[in-house]
N, C-alpha and C. Protein backbone atom coordinates (compact mmCIF):
# COMPACT_ATOMS: atom_id res chain seq x y z
N MET A 1 0.82 -1.18 0.01
CA MET A 1 -0.04 -0.03 0.00
C MET A 1 0.84 1.25 -0.01
N ASN A 2 2.07 1.08 -0.35
CA ASN A 2 2.99 2.20 -0.38
C ASN A 2 2.65 3.28 -1.48
N ASP A 3 1.91 2.83 -2.50
CA ASP A 3 1.52 3.71 -3.53
C ASP A 3 0.16 4.34 -3.34
N LEU A 4 -0.45 4.17 -2.20
CA LEU A 4 -1.80 4.70 -1.93
C LEU A 4 -1.70 6.18 -1.71
N ARG A 5 -2.38 7.00 -2.51
CA ARG A 5 -2.42 8.44 -2.39
C ARG A 5 -3.78 8.88 -1.99
N LEU A 6 -3.83 9.83 -1.08
CA LEU A 6 -5.10 10.44 -0.60
C LEU A 6 -5.25 11.83 -1.13
N ARG A 7 -6.53 12.15 -1.47
CA ARG A 7 -6.85 13.50 -1.93
C ARG A 7 -8.32 13.80 -1.72
N LEU A 8 -8.60 15.11 -1.61
CA LEU A 8 -9.97 15.50 -1.55
C LEU A 8 -10.68 15.26 -2.86
N ALA A 9 -11.88 14.76 -2.84
CA ALA A 9 -12.68 14.60 -4.07
C ALA A 9 -13.19 15.95 -4.48
N ASP A 10 -13.50 16.06 -5.79
CA ASP A 10 -14.05 17.27 -6.32
C ASP A 10 -15.19 16.82 -7.26
N ASP A 11 -15.82 17.77 -7.95
CA ASP A 11 -16.97 17.53 -8.80
C ASP A 11 -16.63 16.50 -9.90
N SER A 12 -15.42 16.42 -10.34
CA SER A 12 -15.06 15.49 -11.45
C SER A 12 -15.07 14.04 -10.91
N ASP A 13 -15.15 13.84 -9.61
CA ASP A 13 -15.15 12.53 -9.02
C ASP A 13 -16.57 11.98 -8.71
N LEU A 14 -17.58 12.80 -8.95
CA LEU A 14 -18.92 12.44 -8.50
C LEU A 14 -19.40 11.10 -9.03
N ALA A 15 -19.22 10.88 -10.38
CA ALA A 15 -19.67 9.60 -10.98
C ALA A 15 -18.89 8.40 -10.37
N THR A 16 -17.60 8.60 -10.09
CA THR A 16 -16.78 7.57 -9.54
C THR A 16 -17.26 7.20 -8.13
N LEU A 17 -17.64 8.21 -7.33
CA LEU A 17 -18.11 7.97 -6.00
C LEU A 17 -19.41 7.24 -6.00
N VAL A 18 -20.34 7.62 -6.89
CA VAL A 18 -21.60 6.86 -6.97
C VAL A 18 -21.37 5.47 -7.40
N GLY A 19 -20.51 5.21 -8.38
CA GLY A 19 -20.22 3.83 -8.82
C GLY A 19 -19.61 3.04 -7.72
N MET A 20 -18.66 3.59 -6.98
CA MET A 20 -17.98 2.88 -5.89
C MET A 20 -19.02 2.49 -4.85
N ARG A 21 -19.82 3.46 -4.48
CA ARG A 21 -20.86 3.18 -3.51
C ARG A 21 -21.83 2.05 -3.89
N ASP A 22 -22.21 2.10 -5.18
CA ASP A 22 -23.08 1.05 -5.69
C ASP A 22 -22.41 -0.34 -5.76
N ASP A 23 -21.14 -0.28 -6.08
CA ASP A 23 -20.33 -1.55 -6.12
C ASP A 23 -20.20 -2.10 -4.73
N ALA A 24 -19.96 -1.25 -3.73
CA ALA A 24 -19.83 -1.69 -2.31
C ALA A 24 -21.18 -2.23 -1.86
N ALA A 25 -22.27 -1.68 -2.29
CA ALA A 25 -23.59 -2.15 -1.91
C ALA A 25 -23.78 -3.54 -2.52
N ARG A 26 -23.42 -3.73 -3.76
CA ARG A 26 -23.57 -5.07 -4.40
C ARG A 26 -22.63 -6.10 -3.70
N TRP A 27 -21.43 -5.67 -3.34
CA TRP A 27 -20.49 -6.60 -2.66
C TRP A 27 -21.11 -7.06 -1.33
N MET A 28 -21.70 -6.13 -0.55
CA MET A 28 -22.33 -6.46 0.72
C MET A 28 -23.49 -7.46 0.51
N ARG A 29 -24.34 -7.16 -0.46
CA ARG A 29 -25.49 -7.96 -0.74
C ARG A 29 -25.05 -9.40 -1.09
N ALA A 30 -23.98 -9.54 -1.88
CA ALA A 30 -23.52 -10.80 -2.31
C ALA A 30 -22.98 -11.60 -1.10
N ARG A 31 -22.69 -10.95 0.00
CA ARG A 31 -22.21 -11.64 1.18
C ARG A 31 -23.25 -11.72 2.27
N GLY A 32 -24.50 -11.46 1.89
CA GLY A 32 -25.63 -11.57 2.86
C GLY A 32 -25.83 -10.41 3.73
N ILE A 33 -25.16 -9.32 3.50
CA ILE A 33 -25.34 -8.16 4.29
C ILE A 33 -26.39 -7.27 3.50
N THR A 34 -27.70 -7.48 3.84
CA THR A 34 -28.73 -6.89 3.01
C THR A 34 -29.44 -5.65 3.61
N GLY A 35 -29.21 -5.41 4.86
CA GLY A 35 -29.97 -4.31 5.51
C GLY A 35 -29.23 -3.00 5.51
N GLN A 36 -28.07 -2.87 4.85
CA GLN A 36 -27.31 -1.65 5.00
C GLN A 36 -27.47 -0.80 3.74
N TRP A 37 -26.63 -1.09 2.74
CA TRP A 37 -26.65 -0.22 1.54
C TRP A 37 -27.28 -1.00 0.37
N GLN A 38 -27.98 -0.20 -0.48
CA GLN A 38 -28.59 -0.81 -1.68
C GLN A 38 -28.04 -0.04 -2.86
N PRO A 39 -27.76 -0.66 -3.96
CA PRO A 39 -27.37 0.05 -5.21
C PRO A 39 -28.39 1.04 -5.58
N GLY A 40 -27.96 2.20 -6.11
CA GLY A 40 -28.88 3.23 -6.60
C GLY A 40 -29.46 4.16 -5.48
N GLN A 41 -29.04 3.95 -4.24
CA GLN A 41 -29.62 4.83 -3.17
C GLN A 41 -29.09 6.24 -3.19
N LEU A 42 -27.81 6.41 -3.50
CA LEU A 42 -27.20 7.74 -3.46
C LEU A 42 -26.78 8.16 -4.88
N ASP A 43 -26.98 9.46 -5.11
CA ASP A 43 -26.61 9.94 -6.48
C ASP A 43 -25.52 11.04 -6.31
N GLU A 44 -25.18 11.62 -7.40
CA GLU A 44 -24.03 12.67 -7.44
C GLU A 44 -24.44 13.83 -6.52
N GLU A 45 -25.66 14.15 -6.40
CA GLU A 45 -26.11 15.28 -5.56
C GLU A 45 -25.77 14.99 -4.11
N HIS A 46 -25.90 13.77 -3.65
CA HIS A 46 -25.54 13.42 -2.28
C HIS A 46 -24.08 13.81 -1.98
N PHE A 47 -23.16 13.31 -2.83
CA PHE A 47 -21.74 13.58 -2.60
C PHE A 47 -21.44 15.07 -2.81
N ARG A 48 -22.07 15.74 -3.71
CA ARG A 48 -21.84 17.20 -3.88
C ARG A 48 -22.29 17.92 -2.59
N ARG A 49 -23.40 17.55 -1.99
CA ARG A 49 -23.90 18.15 -0.74
C ARG A 49 -22.84 17.89 0.38
N ILE A 50 -22.32 16.66 0.51
CA ILE A 50 -21.36 16.38 1.54
C ILE A 50 -20.10 17.22 1.30
N MET A 51 -19.62 17.37 0.06
CA MET A 51 -18.41 18.15 -0.26
C MET A 51 -18.64 19.64 0.19
N ALA A 52 -19.90 20.13 0.12
CA ALA A 52 -20.14 21.51 0.45
C ALA A 52 -20.13 21.74 1.94
N THR A 53 -20.41 20.72 2.79
CA THR A 53 -20.48 20.93 4.23
C THR A 53 -19.43 20.17 5.02
N GLY A 54 -18.74 19.25 4.34
CA GLY A 54 -17.74 18.40 5.02
C GLY A 54 -16.62 18.09 4.01
N GLU A 55 -16.18 16.89 4.04
CA GLU A 55 -15.06 16.48 3.10
C GLU A 55 -15.35 15.07 2.59
N VAL A 56 -15.00 14.86 1.35
CA VAL A 56 -15.02 13.52 0.73
C VAL A 56 -13.63 13.23 0.28
N TRP A 57 -13.04 12.11 0.75
CA TRP A 57 -11.66 11.79 0.49
C TRP A 57 -11.64 10.57 -0.44
N LEU A 58 -10.67 10.56 -1.33
CA LEU A 58 -10.40 9.41 -2.20
C LEU A 58 -9.00 8.82 -1.94
N ALA A 59 -8.88 7.54 -2.05
CA ALA A 59 -7.57 6.90 -1.99
C ALA A 59 -7.39 6.31 -3.35
N GLU A 60 -6.22 6.63 -3.94
CA GLU A 60 -5.90 6.14 -5.34
C GLU A 60 -4.66 5.30 -5.27
N THR A 61 -4.62 4.26 -6.10
CA THR A 61 -3.48 3.50 -6.33
C THR A 61 -3.34 3.36 -7.90
N GLY A 62 -2.12 3.70 -8.34
CA GLY A 62 -1.98 3.74 -9.76
C GLY A 62 -2.94 4.79 -10.37
N ASP A 63 -3.71 4.36 -11.35
CA ASP A 63 -4.65 5.27 -11.97
C ASP A 63 -6.12 4.91 -11.55
N ARG A 64 -6.26 4.11 -10.48
CA ARG A 64 -7.54 3.67 -10.03
C ARG A 64 -7.87 4.22 -8.62
N VAL A 65 -9.14 4.36 -8.37
CA VAL A 65 -9.61 4.70 -7.01
C VAL A 65 -9.78 3.42 -6.23
N ALA A 66 -9.10 3.33 -5.08
CA ALA A 66 -9.10 2.13 -4.23
C ALA A 66 -10.11 2.23 -3.13
N GLY A 67 -10.53 3.48 -2.75
CA GLY A 67 -11.41 3.64 -1.65
C GLY A 67 -11.82 5.11 -1.45
N ALA A 68 -12.74 5.33 -0.52
CA ALA A 68 -13.18 6.65 -0.21
C ALA A 68 -13.92 6.69 1.11
N TRP A 69 -14.07 7.88 1.63
CA TRP A 69 -14.86 8.10 2.85
C TRP A 69 -15.34 9.54 2.90
N GLU A 70 -16.40 9.65 3.71
CA GLU A 70 -16.93 11.04 3.96
C GLU A 70 -16.50 11.43 5.36
N LEU A 71 -16.21 12.71 5.58
CA LEU A 71 -15.90 13.26 6.87
C LEU A 71 -16.81 14.38 7.15
N TRP A 72 -17.66 14.28 8.11
CA TRP A 72 -18.62 15.37 8.46
C TRP A 72 -18.11 16.04 9.76
N TRP A 73 -18.53 17.33 9.93
CA TRP A 73 -18.20 18.02 11.13
C TRP A 73 -19.30 18.11 12.14
N GLU A 74 -20.48 17.57 11.80
CA GLU A 74 -21.61 17.42 12.71
C GLU A 74 -22.47 16.33 12.16
N ASP A 75 -23.24 15.68 13.05
CA ASP A 75 -24.15 14.59 12.70
C ASP A 75 -25.25 14.57 13.73
N GLU A 76 -26.15 15.56 13.61
CA GLU A 76 -27.24 15.68 14.58
C GLU A 76 -28.24 14.56 14.43
N ASP A 77 -28.42 14.00 13.25
CA ASP A 77 -29.41 12.90 13.14
C ASP A 77 -29.05 11.67 14.02
N ALA A 78 -27.73 11.41 14.16
CA ALA A 78 -27.32 10.29 14.98
C ALA A 78 -26.92 10.72 16.37
N TRP A 79 -26.25 11.84 16.49
CA TRP A 79 -25.62 12.22 17.77
C TRP A 79 -26.35 13.33 18.51
N GLY A 80 -27.31 14.01 17.88
CA GLY A 80 -27.91 15.18 18.43
C GLY A 80 -26.95 16.32 18.41
N PRO A 81 -27.40 17.53 18.93
CA PRO A 81 -26.44 18.69 18.98
C PRO A 81 -25.23 18.35 19.83
N GLN A 82 -24.07 18.65 19.38
CA GLN A 82 -22.80 18.39 20.02
C GLN A 82 -21.88 19.62 19.95
N PRO A 83 -21.00 19.77 20.95
CA PRO A 83 -19.96 20.78 20.74
C PRO A 83 -19.03 20.36 19.67
N PRO A 84 -18.27 21.26 19.02
CA PRO A 84 -17.43 20.91 17.94
C PRO A 84 -16.11 20.23 18.34
N VAL A 85 -16.23 18.99 18.84
CA VAL A 85 -15.09 18.28 19.37
C VAL A 85 -14.78 17.00 18.53
N ALA A 86 -15.63 16.68 17.53
CA ALA A 86 -15.52 15.39 16.85
C ALA A 86 -15.58 15.64 15.35
N GLY A 87 -15.03 14.67 14.62
CA GLY A 87 -15.29 14.48 13.20
C GLY A 87 -16.06 13.16 13.07
N TYR A 88 -16.88 13.08 12.11
CA TYR A 88 -17.84 11.93 11.93
C TYR A 88 -17.53 11.25 10.59
N VAL A 89 -17.06 9.98 10.69
CA VAL A 89 -16.72 9.24 9.45
C VAL A 89 -18.00 8.55 8.97
N HIS A 90 -18.21 8.65 7.66
CA HIS A 90 -19.35 8.03 7.05
C HIS A 90 -18.92 7.40 5.74
N ARG A 91 -19.60 6.37 5.31
CA ARG A 91 -19.43 5.72 4.01
C ARG A 91 -17.99 5.33 3.70
N LEU A 92 -17.29 4.80 4.64
CA LEU A 92 -15.94 4.25 4.42
C LEU A 92 -16.15 3.04 3.43
N MET A 93 -15.53 3.10 2.31
CA MET A 93 -15.69 2.04 1.30
C MET A 93 -14.41 1.83 0.56
N VAL A 94 -14.22 0.59 0.10
CA VAL A 94 -13.09 0.20 -0.71
C VAL A 94 -13.59 -0.44 -2.02
N ASP A 95 -12.72 -0.35 -3.01
CA ASP A 95 -12.98 -1.08 -4.26
C ASP A 95 -12.35 -2.44 -4.14
N HIS A 96 -13.13 -3.47 -3.94
CA HIS A 96 -12.59 -4.77 -3.67
C HIS A 96 -11.84 -5.41 -4.85
N GLY A 97 -11.98 -4.79 -6.01
CA GLY A 97 -11.23 -5.25 -7.17
C GLY A 97 -9.89 -4.57 -7.29
N THR A 98 -9.66 -3.45 -6.63
CA THR A 98 -8.42 -2.68 -6.68
C THR A 98 -7.64 -2.67 -5.41
N ALA A 99 -8.34 -2.55 -4.32
CA ALA A 99 -7.72 -2.35 -3.02
C ALA A 99 -7.09 -3.60 -2.47
N GLU A 100 -5.87 -3.43 -1.91
CA GLU A 100 -5.23 -4.53 -1.21
C GLU A 100 -5.93 -4.81 0.05
N PRO A 101 -5.81 -6.05 0.63
CA PRO A 101 -6.30 -6.36 1.96
C PRO A 101 -5.72 -5.30 2.99
N GLY A 102 -6.55 -4.84 3.88
CA GLY A 102 -6.14 -3.90 4.86
C GLY A 102 -6.36 -2.39 4.49
N THR A 103 -6.82 -2.19 3.26
CA THR A 103 -7.00 -0.83 2.82
C THR A 103 -8.08 -0.12 3.62
N GLY A 104 -9.13 -0.76 4.07
CA GLY A 104 -10.14 -0.14 4.90
C GLY A 104 -9.60 0.39 6.18
N SER A 105 -8.65 -0.38 6.81
CA SER A 105 -8.09 0.03 8.03
C SER A 105 -7.13 1.29 7.81
N VAL A 106 -6.42 1.25 6.66
CA VAL A 106 -5.58 2.42 6.31
C VAL A 106 -6.44 3.67 6.10
N LEU A 107 -7.54 3.52 5.46
CA LEU A 107 -8.40 4.71 5.22
C LEU A 107 -9.02 5.19 6.54
N LEU A 108 -9.40 4.28 7.42
CA LEU A 108 -9.94 4.70 8.70
C LEU A 108 -8.91 5.49 9.46
N ARG A 109 -7.60 5.02 9.49
CA ARG A 109 -6.56 5.71 10.22
C ARG A 109 -6.33 7.07 9.59
N ALA A 110 -6.40 7.15 8.25
CA ALA A 110 -6.24 8.47 7.57
C ALA A 110 -7.35 9.44 8.00
N ALA A 111 -8.57 8.90 8.11
CA ALA A 111 -9.68 9.77 8.56
C ALA A 111 -9.43 10.27 9.98
N GLU A 112 -8.89 9.37 10.83
CA GLU A 112 -8.62 9.73 12.25
C GLU A 112 -7.55 10.78 12.27
N HIS A 113 -6.50 10.64 11.43
CA HIS A 113 -5.43 11.67 11.38
C HIS A 113 -5.99 13.01 10.93
N ARG A 114 -6.89 12.96 9.94
CA ARG A 114 -7.46 14.25 9.42
C ARG A 114 -8.28 14.93 10.56
N VAL A 115 -9.04 14.22 11.27
CA VAL A 115 -9.83 14.79 12.39
C VAL A 115 -8.83 15.41 13.40
N ALA A 116 -7.84 14.66 13.75
CA ALA A 116 -6.85 15.18 14.76
C ALA A 116 -6.15 16.43 14.22
N ALA A 117 -5.90 16.52 12.94
CA ALA A 117 -5.19 17.68 12.36
C ALA A 117 -6.05 18.94 12.49
N THR A 118 -7.35 18.75 12.63
CA THR A 118 -8.19 19.94 12.80
C THR A 118 -8.30 20.44 14.25
N GLY A 119 -7.66 19.64 15.12
CA GLY A 119 -7.73 20.00 16.55
C GLY A 119 -8.86 19.36 17.29
N ARG A 120 -9.74 18.61 16.63
CA ARG A 120 -10.84 17.94 17.28
C ARG A 120 -10.23 16.66 17.93
N THR A 121 -10.89 16.23 19.04
CA THR A 121 -10.32 15.18 19.86
C THR A 121 -11.00 13.82 19.76
N LEU A 122 -12.10 13.72 19.04
CA LEU A 122 -12.82 12.43 18.92
C LEU A 122 -13.11 12.19 17.47
N VAL A 123 -13.10 10.88 17.13
CA VAL A 123 -13.61 10.42 15.82
C VAL A 123 -14.84 9.61 16.21
N ARG A 124 -15.94 9.93 15.50
CA ARG A 124 -17.20 9.22 15.77
C ARG A 124 -17.71 8.64 14.53
N LEU A 125 -18.44 7.55 14.65
CA LEU A 125 -19.14 6.97 13.50
C LEU A 125 -20.31 6.19 14.02
N ASP A 126 -21.23 5.80 13.10
CA ASP A 126 -22.30 4.91 13.46
C ASP A 126 -22.27 3.79 12.52
N CYS A 127 -22.80 2.65 13.00
CA CYS A 127 -22.71 1.37 12.23
C CYS A 127 -24.08 0.73 12.38
N LEU A 128 -24.63 0.22 11.29
CA LEU A 128 -25.84 -0.48 11.40
C LEU A 128 -25.79 -1.55 12.51
N SER A 129 -26.69 -1.49 13.39
CA SER A 129 -26.70 -2.43 14.60
C SER A 129 -26.57 -3.82 14.21
N GLY A 130 -27.26 -4.30 13.12
CA GLY A 130 -27.23 -5.67 12.80
C GLY A 130 -26.08 -6.18 11.96
N ASN A 131 -25.16 -5.26 11.64
CA ASN A 131 -23.99 -5.67 10.82
C ASN A 131 -22.87 -6.03 11.81
N THR A 132 -22.87 -7.26 12.26
CA THR A 132 -21.88 -7.73 13.28
C THR A 132 -20.48 -7.67 12.74
N ARG A 133 -20.26 -8.01 11.48
CA ARG A 133 -18.87 -7.97 10.95
C ARG A 133 -18.33 -6.55 10.95
N LEU A 134 -19.13 -5.59 10.52
CA LEU A 134 -18.62 -4.20 10.53
C LEU A 134 -18.47 -3.65 11.91
N ASN A 135 -19.39 -4.02 12.84
CA ASN A 135 -19.24 -3.58 14.26
C ASN A 135 -17.94 -4.11 14.82
N ALA A 136 -17.56 -5.34 14.50
CA ALA A 136 -16.37 -5.95 14.99
C ALA A 136 -15.14 -5.25 14.42
N PHE A 137 -15.22 -4.85 13.10
CA PHE A 137 -14.13 -4.15 12.49
C PHE A 137 -13.82 -2.89 13.26
N TYR A 138 -14.82 -2.08 13.62
CA TYR A 138 -14.58 -0.86 14.37
C TYR A 138 -14.15 -1.12 15.75
N LEU A 139 -14.69 -2.10 16.41
CA LEU A 139 -14.19 -2.41 17.78
C LEU A 139 -12.75 -2.82 17.74
N ASN A 140 -12.35 -3.64 16.72
CA ASN A 140 -10.91 -4.02 16.63
C ASN A 140 -10.04 -2.91 16.27
N ALA A 141 -10.58 -1.79 15.72
CA ALA A 141 -9.81 -0.62 15.37
C ALA A 141 -9.71 0.37 16.53
N GLY A 142 -10.22 -0.05 17.68
CA GLY A 142 -10.06 0.77 18.85
C GLY A 142 -11.28 1.66 19.25
N TYR A 143 -12.34 1.52 18.56
CA TYR A 143 -13.57 2.26 18.88
C TYR A 143 -14.25 1.57 19.98
N ARG A 144 -15.06 2.40 20.68
CA ARG A 144 -15.94 1.81 21.73
C ARG A 144 -17.35 2.25 21.55
N VAL A 145 -18.22 1.36 21.94
CA VAL A 145 -19.66 1.63 21.82
C VAL A 145 -20.03 2.63 22.88
N VAL A 146 -20.64 3.74 22.49
CA VAL A 146 -21.07 4.75 23.43
C VAL A 146 -22.62 4.99 23.46
N GLY A 147 -23.29 4.23 22.55
CA GLY A 147 -24.76 4.36 22.58
C GLY A 147 -25.37 3.72 21.36
N HIS A 148 -26.68 3.95 21.28
CA HIS A 148 -27.50 3.39 20.15
C HIS A 148 -28.44 4.45 19.72
N LYS A 149 -28.66 4.44 18.45
CA LYS A 149 -29.66 5.38 17.90
C LYS A 149 -30.71 4.62 17.10
N GLU A 150 -31.90 4.61 17.66
CA GLU A 150 -33.03 3.88 17.04
C GLU A 150 -33.67 4.84 16.07
N GLY A 151 -34.02 4.38 14.87
CA GLY A 151 -34.79 5.14 13.91
C GLY A 151 -34.08 6.36 13.29
N LYS A 152 -32.76 6.24 13.00
CA LYS A 152 -32.03 7.31 12.38
C LYS A 152 -32.46 7.44 10.93
N PRO A 153 -32.83 8.70 10.56
CA PRO A 153 -33.25 8.96 9.14
C PRO A 153 -32.14 8.64 8.19
N GLN A 154 -32.54 8.08 7.04
CA GLN A 154 -31.62 7.72 5.98
C GLN A 154 -31.71 8.62 4.77
N PRO A 155 -30.65 8.75 3.95
CA PRO A 155 -30.79 9.55 2.75
C PRO A 155 -31.89 9.10 1.89
N VAL A 156 -32.14 7.74 1.81
CA VAL A 156 -33.19 7.10 1.08
C VAL A 156 -33.67 5.92 1.86
N GLY A 157 -34.97 5.75 1.92
CA GLY A 157 -35.54 4.58 2.58
C GLY A 157 -35.96 4.87 4.05
N ALA A 158 -36.35 3.79 4.69
CA ALA A 158 -36.84 3.90 6.08
C ALA A 158 -35.72 4.11 7.04
N PRO A 159 -36.07 4.75 8.21
CA PRO A 159 -35.03 4.95 9.25
C PRO A 159 -34.53 3.57 9.70
N LYS A 160 -33.28 3.57 10.25
CA LYS A 160 -32.67 2.32 10.67
C LYS A 160 -32.03 2.57 12.10
N SER A 161 -31.64 1.48 12.76
CA SER A 161 -31.06 1.53 14.09
C SER A 161 -29.57 1.35 13.97
N PHE A 162 -28.85 2.16 14.72
CA PHE A 162 -27.31 2.15 14.58
C PHE A 162 -26.70 2.11 15.94
N THR A 163 -25.54 1.49 15.94
CA THR A 163 -24.61 1.52 17.09
C THR A 163 -23.76 2.79 16.95
N LEU A 164 -23.60 3.59 18.01
CA LEU A 164 -22.74 4.76 18.01
C LEU A 164 -21.40 4.40 18.61
N LEU A 165 -20.33 4.75 17.93
CA LEU A 165 -18.99 4.39 18.34
C LEU A 165 -18.08 5.65 18.26
N GLU A 166 -17.10 5.70 19.19
CA GLU A 166 -16.17 6.77 19.14
C GLU A 166 -14.74 6.32 19.56
N LYS A 167 -13.82 7.15 19.23
CA LYS A 167 -12.44 6.87 19.60
C LYS A 167 -11.70 8.21 19.74
N PRO A 168 -10.93 8.35 20.87
CA PRO A 168 -10.15 9.54 21.01
C PRO A 168 -9.03 9.59 19.98
N CYS A 169 -8.68 10.76 19.53
CA CYS A 169 -7.58 10.86 18.58
C CYS A 169 -6.58 11.95 19.13
N GLY A 170 -5.29 11.72 18.82
CA GLY A 170 -4.29 12.67 19.21
C GLY A 170 -4.06 13.68 18.13
N ARG A 171 -3.47 14.78 18.50
CA ARG A 171 -3.18 15.84 17.56
C ARG A 171 -2.03 15.39 16.62
N THR A 172 -2.18 15.64 15.32
CA THR A 172 -1.22 15.21 14.34
C THR A 172 -1.18 16.16 13.19
N THR A 173 -0.19 16.02 12.35
CA THR A 173 -0.14 16.87 11.12
C THR A 173 -0.44 16.03 9.87
N ALA A 174 -0.69 14.81 10.05
CA ALA A 174 -0.94 13.95 8.87
C ALA A 174 -2.30 14.23 8.19
N ALA A 175 -2.42 13.81 6.90
CA ALA A 175 -3.64 13.97 6.13
C ALA A 175 -4.15 15.38 6.15
């Protein structure tokens, strides 16, 4: 993963982000993870909106996108009103055809470094309560469960229940 490069996404990346999100949804469905993401749920306007209020990051290897994630500076739907002490990671995804094993962990650490670089002290995320594999991934990455959110509104579809997780981060200059 020495050749993995990180950069902020821009409008020229919108179609790539939608395609990656849809591919990740198909990958999950093929493995029996049916309650989380569905192909076609998010469009370019979703990612454009996130870029206007937060950050969308891409990880590239060679001339291919290997992964992406969203970084929000508030998430009232899941966490309610909060002081500005955290960054909120959403839609961490990898291209399973391009990304090397472990890329998801590398991207999560990059998101944590980015949050720390802003001076915020916590990284927060939410995970579909029923996705035991993904919950275990975050717990193994040092996150701890701090609550549950029942009926969180979704960009498309019915509200869902989520596990709320957080991890302290140290100040850094990376990402």
